[in-house]
Amino acid sequence: QVQLEESGGGLVQAGGSLRLSCTASGRTFSNYAMGWFRQAPGKEREFVARIKWSGGSTYYADSVKGRFTISREKSKNTVYLQMNSLKLEDTAVYYCAADSQGGFRATTREYNYDYWGQGTQVTVSS
C-alpha cells in the first residue's frame, strides 16, 4: 500500500516562498508520476504540477507556471513543490498524489491518481 505524507505548509506573506515535501512509501515508483493538487475554500480541487518519477519530465498548470517548481529526490522517495512569488489566490490545501500509470501517460485528471496524501495547508496573507 502506497502512503504519501506531505509537509511544509504554513503561513506566508504575498510574494514569499514555501517548499512543500511529499514522502512516499510502500513500493518502488519507477512507473509512477507524482502530482500536486490544491483545493481552495469553496472551490473544486485543481491540478498544480506533476513529474514523472523515472524521466523527471514536468508539467504545470498555467496559473503556477514560472512561479512553482516540482522536483523529486529518488534516494529519499520525496517530491518537492517549490513555490515562489506566492499570491493570495494560492491559498489552499495542497495534496500530493501518485499515478501508478504515470510513466505511460500524461494526465492532470485527479481520478487518474490512485493514492493521495492528507494535505497540507498553505495560507498566503497580504
Foldseek 3Di string as FASTA:
>chain_A
DKAKAKDWADEEAAQAKTKMKIAIDDDAQQQKKKFKWWDDPPGDIFGAKIAHPNPGDMDGDPVQPPFWDWGDDRVRNMIMIIGGNDDQVVWTWMKMFMQSNNNPDDDGDPVNTDDIHPTDTHGYHD
